[in-house]
């Protein structure tokens, strides 16, 4: 999907060219068929038996769905557990800018939660 999001539309051959260690053409076609059945991509006939594929869901929306799935599968739905696991890795320390940005995001989330709670009362 990363290649397809980057290219926006692509044939099977173009998708294979965009992969660092591409599987066979049949494997790519099979995966595209599965993605089409699941509603993640659509295809349009180009010529002969060739099709051009494109994503049906915006990258950010697909990313949110994937993140929600990872959180549910590995972290019991807890973003705190996921962040703790990620931040506990010794080799990947946050930069001062990353730390500041996370603090801002947490503060904004708290403010939004407070507003929502107050509106409900």
Protein backbone atom coordinates (compact mmCIF):
# COMPACT_ATOMS: atom_id res chain seq x y z
CA UNK A 1 0.00 0.00 0.00
CA UNK A 2 2.92 2.32 0.70
CA UNK A 3 3.97 2.19 -2.95
CA UNK A 4 0.40 2.69 -4.11
CA UNK A 5 -0.12 5.67 -1.80
CA UNK A 6 3.11 7.20 -3.04
CA UNK A 7 2.29 6.68 -6.74
CA UNK A 8 -1.49 7.28 -6.34
CA UNK A 9 -2.23 4.92 -9.25
CA UNK A 10 -0.09 2.08 -10.52
CA UNK A 11 -0.07 -1.14 -12.47
CA UNK A 12 1.13 -4.42 -10.97
CA UNK A 13 4.49 -3.97 -12.72
CA UNK A 14 4.89 -0.44 -11.36
CA UNK A 15 4.06 -1.61 -7.85
CA UNK A 16 6.68 -4.36 -8.13
CA UNK A 17 9.26 -1.81 -9.33
CA UNK A 18 8.54 0.31 -6.25
CA UNK A 19 9.27 -2.52 -3.82
CA UNK A 20 12.80 -3.12 -2.52
CA UNK A 21 12.49 -6.92 -2.53
CA UNK A 22 9.49 -7.57 -4.79
CA UNK A 23 7.61 -10.87 -4.75
CA UNK A 24 6.51 -12.45 -8.02
CA UNK A 25 3.99 -10.70 -10.24
CA UNK A 26 1.42 -13.37 -9.34
CA UNK A 27 1.93 -12.69 -5.63
CA UNK A 28 1.41 -8.95 -6.16
CA UNK A 29 -1.71 -9.57 -8.26
CA UNK A 30 -3.10 -11.91 -5.59
CA UNK A 31 -2.47 -9.36 -2.85
CA UNK A 32 -4.13 -6.64 -4.95
CA UNK A 33 -7.16 -8.89 -5.47
CA UNK A 34 -7.43 -9.42 -1.71
CA UNK A 35 -7.10 -5.67 -1.09
CA UNK A 36 -9.78 -5.02 -3.70
CA UNK A 37 -12.20 -7.51 -2.11
CA UNK A 38 -11.60 -5.86 1.28
CA UNK A 39 -12.29 -2.45 -0.27
CA UNK A 40 -8.81 -0.98 0.16
CA UNK A 41 -8.05 -0.58 -3.56
CA UNK A 42 -10.00 -0.28 -6.77
CA UNK A 43 -8.94 -1.23 -10.26
CA UNK A 44 -9.62 0.19 -13.67
CA UNK A 45 -8.95 -1.61 -16.93
CA UNK A 46 -6.03 -0.06 -18.76
CA UNK A 47 -5.54 -2.23 -21.84
CA UNK A 48 -5.84 -5.93 -22.55
CA UNK A 49 -5.45 -7.74 -19.25
CA UNK A 50 -3.66 -4.85 -17.58
CA UNK A 51 -5.26 -2.85 -14.78
CA UNK A 52 -4.31 0.29 -12.93
CA UNK A 53 -4.89 0.24 -9.16
CA UNK A 54 -5.54 3.07 -6.73
CA UNK A 55 -6.27 3.29 -3.01
CA UNK A 56 -9.89 3.82 -1.98
CA UNK A 57 -9.14 5.14 1.51
CA UNK A 58 -7.01 8.17 2.33
CA UNK A 59 -3.62 7.32 3.77
CA UNK A 60 -4.29 9.11 7.08
CA UNK A 61 -7.60 7.28 7.56
CA UNK A 62 -6.01 3.93 6.75
CA UNK A 63 -3.19 4.75 9.15
CA UNK A 64 -5.64 5.50 11.95
CA UNK A 65 -7.43 2.19 11.34
CA UNK A 66 -4.12 0.33 11.41
CA UNK A 67 -3.03 2.11 14.59
CA UNK A 68 -6.33 1.29 16.29
CA UNK A 69 -5.88 -2.35 15.28
CA UNK A 70 -2.31 -2.45 16.68
CA UNK A 71 -3.43 -0.80 19.91
CA UNK A 72 -6.25 -3.32 20.37
CA UNK A 73 -4.15 -6.33 19.38
CA UNK A 74 -0.95 -5.64 21.30
CA UNK A 75 -1.71 -3.01 23.96
CA UNK A 76 -5.26 -3.75 25.17
CA UNK A 77 -6.42 -0.55 23.45
CA UNK A 78 -4.13 1.56 25.63
CA UNK A 79 -2.15 4.32 23.97
CA UNK A 80 -0.29 4.73 27.27
CA UNK A 81 0.97 1.12 27.09
CA UNK A 82 1.97 1.59 23.45
CA UNK A 83 3.87 4.81 24.17
CA UNK A 84 5.54 3.27 27.22
CA UNK A 85 6.71 0.32 25.12
CA UNK A 86 8.01 2.62 22.40
CA UNK A 87 9.67 5.15 24.69
CA UNK A 88 11.32 2.48 26.84
CA UNK A 89 13.63 1.55 23.95
CA UNK A 90 17.06 2.83 24.98
CA UNK A 91 18.33 3.53 21.46
CA UNK A 92 15.40 5.71 20.43
CA UNK A 93 15.40 8.70 22.74
CA UNK A 94 13.14 11.64 22.08
CA UNK A 95 14.66 14.87 20.91
CA UNK A 96 13.82 18.03 22.86
CA UNK A 97 11.51 19.05 19.99
CA UNK A 98 9.72 15.66 20.05
CA UNK A 99 9.27 15.87 23.81
CA UNK A 100 7.89 19.41 23.56
CA UNK A 101 5.47 18.41 20.80
CA UNK A 102 4.20 15.43 22.81
CA UNK A 103 3.63 17.67 25.81
CA UNK A 104 1.63 20.08 23.61
CA UNK A 105 -0.46 17.24 22.18
CA UNK A 106 -1.22 15.88 25.66
CA UNK A 107 -2.19 19.36 26.89
CA UNK A 108 -4.48 19.86 23.89
CA UNK A 109 -6.09 16.45 24.43
CA UNK A 110 -6.69 17.32 28.09
CA UNK A 111 -8.23 20.67 27.14
CA UNK A 112 -10.50 18.99 24.58
CA UNK A 113 -11.57 16.37 27.13
CA UNK A 114 -12.34 19.06 29.71
CA UNK A 115 -14.44 21.00 27.17
CA UNK A 116 -16.33 17.85 26.19
CA UNK A 117 -16.99 17.01 29.84
CA UNK A 118 -18.21 20.54 30.58
CA UNK A 119 -20.53 20.53 27.56
CA UNK A 120 -22.07 17.24 28.68
CA UNK A 121 -23.02 18.72 32.07
